[in-house]
Protein backbone atom coordinates (compact mmCIF):
# COMPACT_ATOMS: atom_id res chain seq x y z
CA MET A 1 -77.69 -18.36 11.23
CA ASN A 2 -75.69 -18.85 14.43
CA LEU A 3 -72.44 -16.84 14.25
CA ARG A 4 -71.48 -17.27 17.89
CA PHE A 5 -67.78 -18.07 18.34
CA ARG A 6 -67.11 -21.48 19.85
CA PRO A 7 -63.48 -22.05 20.79
CA PRO A 8 -62.14 -25.59 20.31
CA ALA A 9 -61.96 -27.87 23.31
CA ALA A 10 -58.88 -27.28 25.42
CA ASP A 11 -58.08 -30.98 25.65
CA VAL A 12 -58.23 -31.81 21.93
CA PRO A 13 -54.99 -31.79 19.87
CA PRO A 14 -53.40 -29.56 18.82
CA HIS A 15 -54.74 -27.59 21.79
CA ASP A 16 -54.07 -30.26 24.42
CA ALA A 17 -51.55 -30.16 27.27
CA ARG A 18 -49.15 -32.58 25.54
CA THR A 19 -48.81 -30.33 22.47
CA ALA A 20 -48.45 -27.22 24.63
CA THR A 21 -45.69 -28.93 26.62
CA VAL A 22 -43.72 -29.93 23.52
CA ILE A 23 -43.91 -26.41 22.05
CA GLY A 24 -43.13 -24.96 25.47
CA ARG A 25 -39.91 -26.97 25.68
CA LEU A 26 -38.68 -25.55 22.38
CA LEU A 27 -39.74 -22.02 23.31
CA GLY A 28 -38.03 -22.38 26.69
CA VAL A 29 -34.72 -23.28 25.04
CA ALA A 30 -34.93 -20.28 22.70
CA LEU A 31 -35.77 -17.90 25.56
CA LEU A 32 -33.00 -19.32 27.77
CA VAL A 33 -30.36 -18.85 25.05
CA CYS A 34 -31.67 -15.36 24.37
CA PHE A 35 -31.62 -14.43 28.06
CA LEU A 36 -28.11 -15.77 28.80
CA THR A 37 -26.54 -14.19 25.71
CA GLY A 38 -28.35 -10.95 26.56
CA LEU A 39 -26.67 -11.00 29.96
CA VAL A 40 -23.29 -11.32 28.25
CA SER A 41 -24.00 -8.34 26.02
CA HIS A 42 -25.27 -6.19 28.88
CA TYR A 43 -22.33 -6.88 31.16
CA LEU A 44 -19.81 -6.27 28.39
CA GLN A 45 -21.46 -2.90 27.73
CA GLU A 46 -21.98 -1.98 31.40
CA PRO A 47 -19.59 -4.13 33.44
CA PRO A 48 -20.20 -4.26 37.19
CA GLY A 49 -17.36 -3.10 39.42
CA TRP A 50 -16.32 -6.59 40.48
CA VAL A 51 -15.29 -7.60 36.93
CA LEU A 52 -13.42 -4.43 36.01
CA GLY A 53 -9.92 -5.29 34.86
CA ASP A 54 -10.91 -8.86 34.05
CA LEU A 55 -13.33 -8.55 31.14
CA PRO A 56 -12.64 -11.36 28.65
CA THR A 57 -10.82 -10.35 25.47
CA ARG A 58 -10.58 -13.95 24.25
CA PRO A 59 -11.83 -15.54 22.15
CA VAL A 60 -11.68 -12.52 19.91
CA TRP A 61 -14.87 -13.70 18.17
CA GLY A 62 -16.75 -14.32 21.43
CA TYR A 63 -19.14 -11.37 21.17
CA ARG A 64 -19.79 -12.18 17.54
CA VAL A 65 -21.02 -15.64 18.55
CA THR A 66 -23.00 -14.63 21.65
CA GLN A 67 -24.74 -11.66 20.03
CA GLY A 68 -25.44 -13.61 16.87
CA ALA A 69 -26.98 -16.37 18.99
CA HIS A 70 -28.95 -13.73 20.91
CA VAL A 71 -30.61 -12.32 17.80
CA ILE A 72 -31.05 -15.73 16.13
CA SER A 73 -32.71 -17.26 19.20
CA GLY A 74 -34.87 -14.16 19.67
CA ILE A 75 -36.15 -14.34 16.09
CA ALA A 76 -36.68 -18.10 16.34
CA ALA A 77 -38.71 -17.54 19.52
CA ILE A 78 -41.31 -15.45 17.64
CA PRO A 79 -43.00 -18.29 15.68
CA LEU A 80 -42.61 -20.59 18.69
CA LEU A 81 -44.30 -18.04 20.94
CA LEU A 82 -47.17 -17.50 18.51
CA VAL A 83 -47.76 -21.24 18.15
CA LYS A 84 -47.56 -21.71 21.92
CA LEU A 85 -50.25 -19.06 22.38
CA TRP A 86 -52.36 -20.70 19.68
CA THR A 87 -52.19 -24.10 21.40
CA VAL A 88 -53.44 -22.71 24.71
CA PHE A 89 -55.84 -19.98 23.58
CA PRO A 90 -59.02 -22.10 24.16
CA ARG A 91 -58.18 -21.98 27.87
CA LEU A 92 -58.79 -18.23 27.76
CA PHE A 93 -62.48 -18.98 27.31
CA VAL A 94 -63.00 -21.44 30.16
CA TRP A 95 -65.96 -20.68 32.41
CA PRO A 96 -65.97 -19.42 35.06
CA PRO A 97 -62.86 -17.39 34.18
CA VAL A 98 -61.78 -17.25 37.84
CA ARG A 99 -62.48 -20.11 40.22
CA SER A 100 -60.54 -18.99 43.27
CA VAL A 101 -58.02 -16.46 44.54
CA GLY A 102 -55.19 -18.82 43.63
CA HIS A 103 -56.59 -19.32 40.15
CA ALA A 104 -56.91 -15.54 39.71
CA LEU A 105 -53.27 -15.05 40.71
CA GLU A 106 -52.21 -17.80 38.32
CA ARG A 107 -54.04 -16.19 35.42
CA LEU A 108 -52.59 -12.79 36.32
CA SER A 109 -49.06 -14.23 36.31
CA ILE A 110 -49.70 -15.76 32.88
CA ALA A 111 -50.97 -12.40 31.59
CA VAL A 112 -47.74 -10.76 32.79
CA LEU A 113 -45.63 -13.52 31.21
CA VAL A 114 -47.39 -13.36 27.84
CA SER A 115 -47.49 -9.57 27.54
CA ALA A 116 -43.88 -9.09 28.70
CA THR A 117 -42.58 -11.81 26.38
CA LEU A 118 -44.46 -10.48 23.36
CA LEU A 119 -43.19 -6.97 24.01
CA GLU A 120 -39.64 -8.19 24.61
CA VAL A 121 -39.24 -10.21 21.42
CA PHE A 122 -40.94 -7.68 19.15
CA MET A 123 -38.93 -4.79 20.60
CA GLY A 124 -35.80 -6.84 19.96
CA LEU A 125 -36.90 -7.51 16.39
CA LEU A 126 -37.43 -3.80 15.72
CA ASN A 127 -34.03 -3.06 17.25
CA THR A 128 -32.35 -5.24 14.63
CA ALA A 129 -33.73 -2.80 12.05
CA GLN A 130 -32.84 0.21 14.25
CA TRP A 131 -36.47 1.33 14.31
CA TYR A 132 -37.60 2.77 17.63
CA PRO A 133 -41.25 3.92 17.44
CA TRP A 134 -41.43 4.57 21.19
CA PRO A 135 -40.39 7.50 23.40
CA PHE A 136 -38.38 5.52 25.96
CA SER A 137 -34.88 4.03 26.00
CA PHE A 138 -34.85 0.67 24.23
CA ARG A 139 -31.82 -0.64 26.11
CA SER A 140 -33.05 0.05 29.66
CA VAL A 141 -36.59 -1.20 28.98
CA HIS A 142 -35.34 -4.28 27.12
CA TRP A 143 -33.07 -5.10 30.07
CA ALA A 144 -35.82 -4.65 32.65
CA LEU A 145 -38.33 -6.68 30.62
CA ALA A 146 -35.84 -9.54 30.36
CA TRP A 147 -35.95 -9.96 34.13
CA VAL A 148 -39.75 -9.67 34.19
CA VAL A 149 -39.97 -12.43 31.58
CA ALA A 150 -37.44 -14.59 33.43
CA GLY A 151 -39.16 -14.18 36.79
CA SER A 152 -42.68 -14.75 35.49
CA LEU A 153 -41.50 -17.78 33.50
CA VAL A 154 -39.95 -19.37 36.58
CA LEU A 155 -43.19 -18.75 38.49
CA HIS A 156 -45.25 -20.23 35.65
CA LEU A 157 -43.07 -23.35 35.52
CA ALA A 158 -43.38 -23.80 39.27
CA VAL A 159 -47.17 -23.54 39.16
CA LYS A 160 -47.50 -25.83 36.13
CA ALA A 161 -44.78 -28.30 37.15
CA PRO A 162 -47.17 -31.25 37.83
CA LEU A 163 -48.93 -30.80 34.46
CA ILE A 164 -45.65 -30.35 32.61
CA ALA A 165 -44.19 -33.46 34.24
CA ALA A 166 -47.26 -35.50 33.31
CA HIS A 167 -46.95 -34.55 29.65
CA TRP A 168 -43.16 -34.20 29.33
CA ARG A 169 -42.88 -37.56 27.54
CA ARG A 170 -45.52 -39.61 25.82
CA ARG A 171 -46.36 -42.71 27.84
CA ARG A 172 -47.68 -45.91 26.31
CA ALA A 173 -49.44 -48.84 27.86
CA GLY A 174 -46.98 -51.42 29.21
CA PRO A 175 -46.79 -54.58 27.08
CA GLU A 176 -46.78 -56.81 30.14
CA THR A 177 -49.87 -55.44 31.83
CA GLY A 178 -51.65 -53.81 28.95
CA SER A 179 -52.94 -51.27 31.45
CA PRO A 180 -52.80 -47.49 31.05
CA ASP A 181 -50.15 -45.57 32.98
CA ASP A 182 -52.46 -42.83 34.26
CA ALA A 183 -55.47 -40.78 33.36
CA THR A 184 -53.41 -37.94 31.91
CA ASP A 185 -52.62 -40.05 28.86
CA ALA A 186 -56.21 -40.86 28.01
CA THR A 187 -56.00 -38.68 24.92
CA VAL A 188 -53.01 -40.62 23.60
CA ARG A 189 -54.62 -44.01 24.15
CA ALA A 190 -58.13 -43.09 23.09
CA PRO A 191 -59.68 -44.47 19.88
CA GLY A 192 -58.32 -42.55 16.92
CA SER A 193 -55.06 -41.86 18.70
CA GLY A 194 -53.25 -42.39 15.41
CA THR A 195 -55.06 -39.35 14.04
CA VAL A 196 -54.22 -37.44 17.22
CA ASP A 197 -50.54 -38.25 16.82
CA ALA A 198 -50.64 -37.35 13.14
CA ASP A 199 -52.23 -33.97 13.89
CA ARG A 200 -49.63 -33.21 16.52
CA ARG A 201 -46.80 -34.40 14.29
CA SER A 202 -48.04 -32.24 11.41
CA LEU A 203 -48.13 -29.20 13.68
CA LEU A 204 -44.61 -29.84 14.98
CA ILE A 205 -43.27 -30.33 11.45
CA GLY A 206 -44.87 -27.04 10.44
CA VAL A 207 -43.35 -25.29 13.43
CA GLY A 208 -39.94 -26.77 12.63
CA VAL A 209 -40.16 -25.57 9.04
CA ALA A 210 -41.21 -22.07 10.15
CA VAL A 211 -38.40 -21.74 12.69
CA THR A 212 -35.84 -23.09 10.23
CA ALA A 213 -37.04 -20.70 7.53
CA VAL A 214 -36.94 -17.53 9.63
CA THR A 215 -33.52 -18.53 10.95
CA ALA A 216 -32.09 -19.34 7.54
CA VAL A 217 -33.17 -16.05 5.93
CA THR A 218 -31.99 -13.82 8.81
CA ALA A 219 -28.94 -15.52 10.38
CA GLY A 220 -26.68 -14.79 7.41
CA GLN A 221 -25.87 -11.35 8.82
CA SER A 222 -23.75 -13.10 11.47
CA VAL A 223 -23.30 -16.71 10.24
CA THR A 224 -21.06 -16.62 7.18
CA ALA A 225 -22.19 -20.05 5.95
CA LEU A 226 -25.77 -18.73 5.61
CA LYS A 227 -24.81 -15.45 3.94
CA GLY A 228 -26.26 -16.54 0.61
CA LEU A 229 -29.70 -16.96 2.21
CA ASP A 230 -29.66 -13.58 3.96
CA LEU A 231 -32.95 -12.37 2.46
CA LEU A 232 -34.80 -10.73 5.37
CA ALA A 233 -32.01 -9.63 7.70
CA PRO A 234 -31.71 -5.82 7.93
CA ARG A 235 -27.94 -5.95 7.33
CA ASP A 236 -25.83 -7.47 4.57
CA PRO A 237 -22.33 -7.95 6.06
CA ASP A 238 -20.76 -7.24 2.66
CA HIS A 239 -22.68 -4.03 2.00
CA GLY A 240 -21.21 -0.74 3.15
CA PRO A 241 -18.23 1.55 2.69
CA GLN A 242 -15.00 -0.45 2.41
CA GLY A 243 -17.07 -3.64 2.36
CA LEU A 244 -18.27 -3.27 5.95
CA PRO A 245 -21.70 -2.12 7.20
CA VAL A 246 -22.13 0.97 9.36
CA ASN A 247 -24.82 1.77 11.89
CA ARG A 248 -24.19 5.49 12.17
CA THR A 249 -22.83 7.50 9.28
CA ALA A 250 -20.66 10.59 9.65
CA ARG A 251 -23.58 12.64 8.39
CA ALA A 252 -25.89 11.22 11.06
CA ALA A 253 -23.25 11.92 13.72
CA LEU A 254 -22.74 15.48 12.38
CA VAL A 255 -19.03 14.91 11.71
CA ARG A 256 -17.73 16.74 8.63
CA ARG A 257 -14.39 16.10 6.95
CA ALA A 258 -13.69 19.81 6.49
CA GLU A 259 -13.62 20.21 10.26
CA LEU A 260 -10.88 17.57 10.60
CA ALA A 261 -8.14 19.47 8.79
CA HIS A 262 -6.46 20.34 12.09
CA TRP A 263 -7.48 17.22 14.02
CA ARG A 264 -5.24 16.14 16.86
CA LEU A 265 -5.45 13.23 19.30
CA THR A 266 -5.14 14.07 22.99
CA VAL A 267 -4.00 11.40 25.46
CA THR A 268 -4.10 12.20 29.17
CA GLY A 269 -2.07 10.53 31.93
CA PRO A 270 1.04 11.20 34.00
CA HIS A 271 2.68 12.54 30.83
CA PRO A 272 -0.13 13.85 28.60
CA PHE A 273 0.51 14.58 24.94
CA THR A 274 -1.17 15.36 21.64
CA LEU A 275 -0.45 13.94 18.21
CA SER A 276 -1.42 15.00 14.71
CA LEU A 277 -2.57 12.41 12.19
CA ALA A 278 0.83 12.55 10.48
CA GLU A 279 2.56 11.91 13.81
CA LEU A 280 0.24 8.97 14.54
CA ARG A 281 1.05 7.47 11.16
CA ALA A 282 4.76 7.83 11.90
CA LEU A 283 4.47 5.64 15.02
CA PRO A 284 4.93 1.85 14.77
CA GLN A 285 1.88 0.44 12.99
CA HIS A 286 0.32 -2.92 13.80
CA ALA A 287 -2.14 -5.03 11.82
CA VAL A 288 -4.86 -7.21 13.35
CA THR A 289 -7.73 -9.28 11.99
CA LEU A 290 -10.76 -8.81 14.20
CA PRO A 291 -14.52 -9.06 13.78
CA ILE A 292 -16.79 -6.16 14.48
CA ALA A 293 -20.09 -7.31 15.93
CA CYS A 294 -23.08 -5.13 16.69
CA VAL A 295 -25.96 -5.56 19.10
CA GLU A 296 -28.36 -5.68 16.14
CA GLY A 297 -26.88 -9.08 15.25
CA TRP A 298 -24.66 -8.40 12.23
CA SER A 299 -20.94 -9.06 12.29
CA LYS A 300 -17.98 -9.37 9.97
CA THR A 301 -14.25 -9.95 10.26
CA ALA A 302 -12.00 -7.23 8.85
CA HIS A 303 -8.33 -6.29 8.64
CA TRP A 304 -7.32 -3.24 10.65
CA GLU A 305 -4.09 -1.27 10.97
CA GLY A 306 -3.09 1.39 13.46
CA VAL A 307 -1.33 2.16 16.71
CA ARG A 308 -1.72 -0.09 19.73
CA VAL A 309 -3.57 1.63 22.54
CA ARG A 310 -1.16 0.18 25.07
CA ASP A 311 1.73 1.89 23.23
CA LEU A 312 -0.05 5.23 23.47
CA LEU A 313 -0.63 4.71 27.20
CA ALA A 314 2.99 3.67 27.72
CA ARG A 315 4.03 6.96 26.11
CA ALA A 316 1.72 8.72 28.60
CA GLY A 317 3.51 6.97 31.50
CA LEU A 318 1.16 3.98 31.91
CA PRO A 319 3.07 0.91 30.67
CA ASP A 320 0.53 -1.60 32.04
CA GLY A 321 -2.57 0.02 30.61
CA ALA A 322 -5.35 1.90 32.36
CA ARG A 323 -9.10 2.37 32.28
CA LEU A 324 -9.93 4.91 29.61
CA ARG A 325 -12.69 7.25 28.67
CA VAL A 326 -12.85 7.43 24.87
CA VAL A 327 -14.29 10.66 23.49
CA SER A 328 -15.65 10.96 19.95
CA LEU A 329 -16.11 14.01 17.76
CA GLN A 330 -19.69 13.00 16.99
CA ARG A 331 -22.25 15.59 18.01
CA ARG A 332 -25.41 13.52 17.74
CA GLY A 333 -26.32 10.01 18.81
CA ALA A 334 -25.56 7.70 21.70
CA TYR A 335 -22.12 6.46 22.75
CA ARG A 336 -20.31 9.71 22.04
CA VAL A 337 -18.30 8.92 25.18
CA THR A 338 -17.46 5.33 26.10
CA GLU A 339 -15.30 3.64 28.69
CA MET A 340 -12.68 1.01 27.95
CA ASP A 341 -11.66 -1.49 30.60
CA ARG A 342 -8.02 -2.09 31.43
CA ALA A 343 -8.32 -5.64 30.08
CA TYR A 344 -8.69 -4.12 26.61
CA THR A 345 -6.16 -1.30 26.88
CA ARG A 346 -3.31 -3.65 27.81
CA ASP A 347 -4.23 -6.17 25.09
CA GLY A 348 -1.92 -6.02 22.10
CA LEU A 349 -4.82 -6.48 19.69
CA THR A 350 -6.58 -3.27 20.75
CA LEU A 351 -5.82 -0.57 18.23
CA LEU A 352 -6.49 3.04 17.56
CA ALA A 353 -7.15 2.05 13.96
CA LEU A 354 -6.21 4.33 11.05
CA ARG A 355 -6.76 1.92 8.16
CA LEU A 356 -9.36 -0.67 7.18
CA GLY A 357 -8.73 -3.33 4.56
CA GLY A 358 -5.48 -1.65 3.51
CA GLU A 359 -7.14 1.74 2.97
CA GLU A 360 -7.45 4.90 5.00
CA LEU A 361 -10.61 4.84 7.09
CA SER A 362 -13.62 6.28 5.32
CA MET A 363 -15.58 9.00 7.09
CA ASP A 364 -18.38 6.59 7.89
CA HIS A 365 -15.93 4.18 9.49
CA GLY A 366 -14.49 6.83 11.77
CA PHE A 367 -11.79 8.80 9.95
CA PRO A 368 -9.27 9.80 11.13
CA ALA A 369 -9.12 7.21 13.95
CA ARG A 370 -11.36 4.70 15.67
CA ILE A 371 -11.15 2.00 18.31
CA ILE A 372 -11.09 -1.70 17.45
CA ALA A 373 -10.72 -4.23 20.27
CA PRO A 374 -11.19 -8.00 20.60
CA ASN A 375 -14.46 -9.44 21.94
CA ARG A 376 -16.08 -6.04 22.37
CA PRO A 377 -19.58 -4.81 21.43
CA GLY A 378 -19.61 -2.80 18.22
CA VAL A 379 -21.29 0.19 19.88
CA LEU A 380 -18.16 0.57 22.01
CA GLN A 381 -15.74 0.48 19.05
CA THR A 382 -15.81 4.27 19.07
CA LYS A 383 -15.38 6.20 15.80
CA TRP A 384 -13.97 9.69 15.17
CA VAL A 385 -11.84 9.48 18.32
CA SER A 386 -10.42 12.77 19.59
CA ARG A 387 -9.40 12.04 23.21
CA LEU A 388 -8.22 9.13 25.33
CA GLU A 389 -8.74 10.17 28.95
CA VAL A 390 -7.28 8.06 31.73
CA ILE A 391 -9.88 7.24 34.41
CA SER A 392 -7.64 5.14 36.64
CA ALA A 393 -4.25 3.52 36.29
């Protein structure tokens, strides 16, 4: 019995260049959306110097949309990527494996593209569940890999441009001449082409169903209309203390309520001051309706009440806002100290929130006070705030 593996021919659907091009187009769109929305998230978290003071605070739901699209497109890219690899895998077994120096470099670039893209999307998927089974920083590696994927993809498209162009659209024989357009479409016009088209169409329908399914059962954590189908997403936007999810609990952050009995807020500036919780509550209170959106993809709009940050800065002698360093009481976990751009501190919707949904903040939501600001990543909406330190006026 002959058990030797024989890969299918590389030019037979659904492993032909036409099918690979169609799947590649869809995958390219998903990766482009994922990359661009990832840039938005990164620059909102770590803004370069040239945008300081001008970070966008409107629309207030902007980060909710971009980060939701980032996670949705990243998850949708997974079945597309696997199918794309399946359509081209027979080409891995061509002989000889390397025909020239140029061919060797081309195959090396494809190896970099495939490995980096696989690692990027699966790391992102694990991040949505906050599972990090690796010893390095997810954020820095994810950011670096994004540029590796982008660069290797551009190189791949440049090398394959003639083949992609030849198979971008299906060409048919012209009715006037009855002659074929070119040799690249021989597969389409060959006998049995109806079966070829049917095979390709069946594959594309299956891919469409798979992408739609994984999107529908995971996007509900950020798309309210799909909330009822939110079966596989790691977060339910309605589940959590006070009806809002949390990523880091007070217990995980090592913040204990007994230690907050004598809590006071310190605000630095030309006229520094401290306030007790009772004194904060005695100041003019403002209510805002803002979403909180996290890098893992979940988001939800909530009603917040508290003191405007710009009012606190005005009391410290900074009526037009200032860049701030926000210090939390948490003793474990990232983002204990964050920076807030002046665009946020002078915005009337940015609060040092004391209440959520008409109730005092729970411990897990940052009691006694937390930051809530429009169009800002959730990791920067600091909880258990103890100090507002002016960096620059």
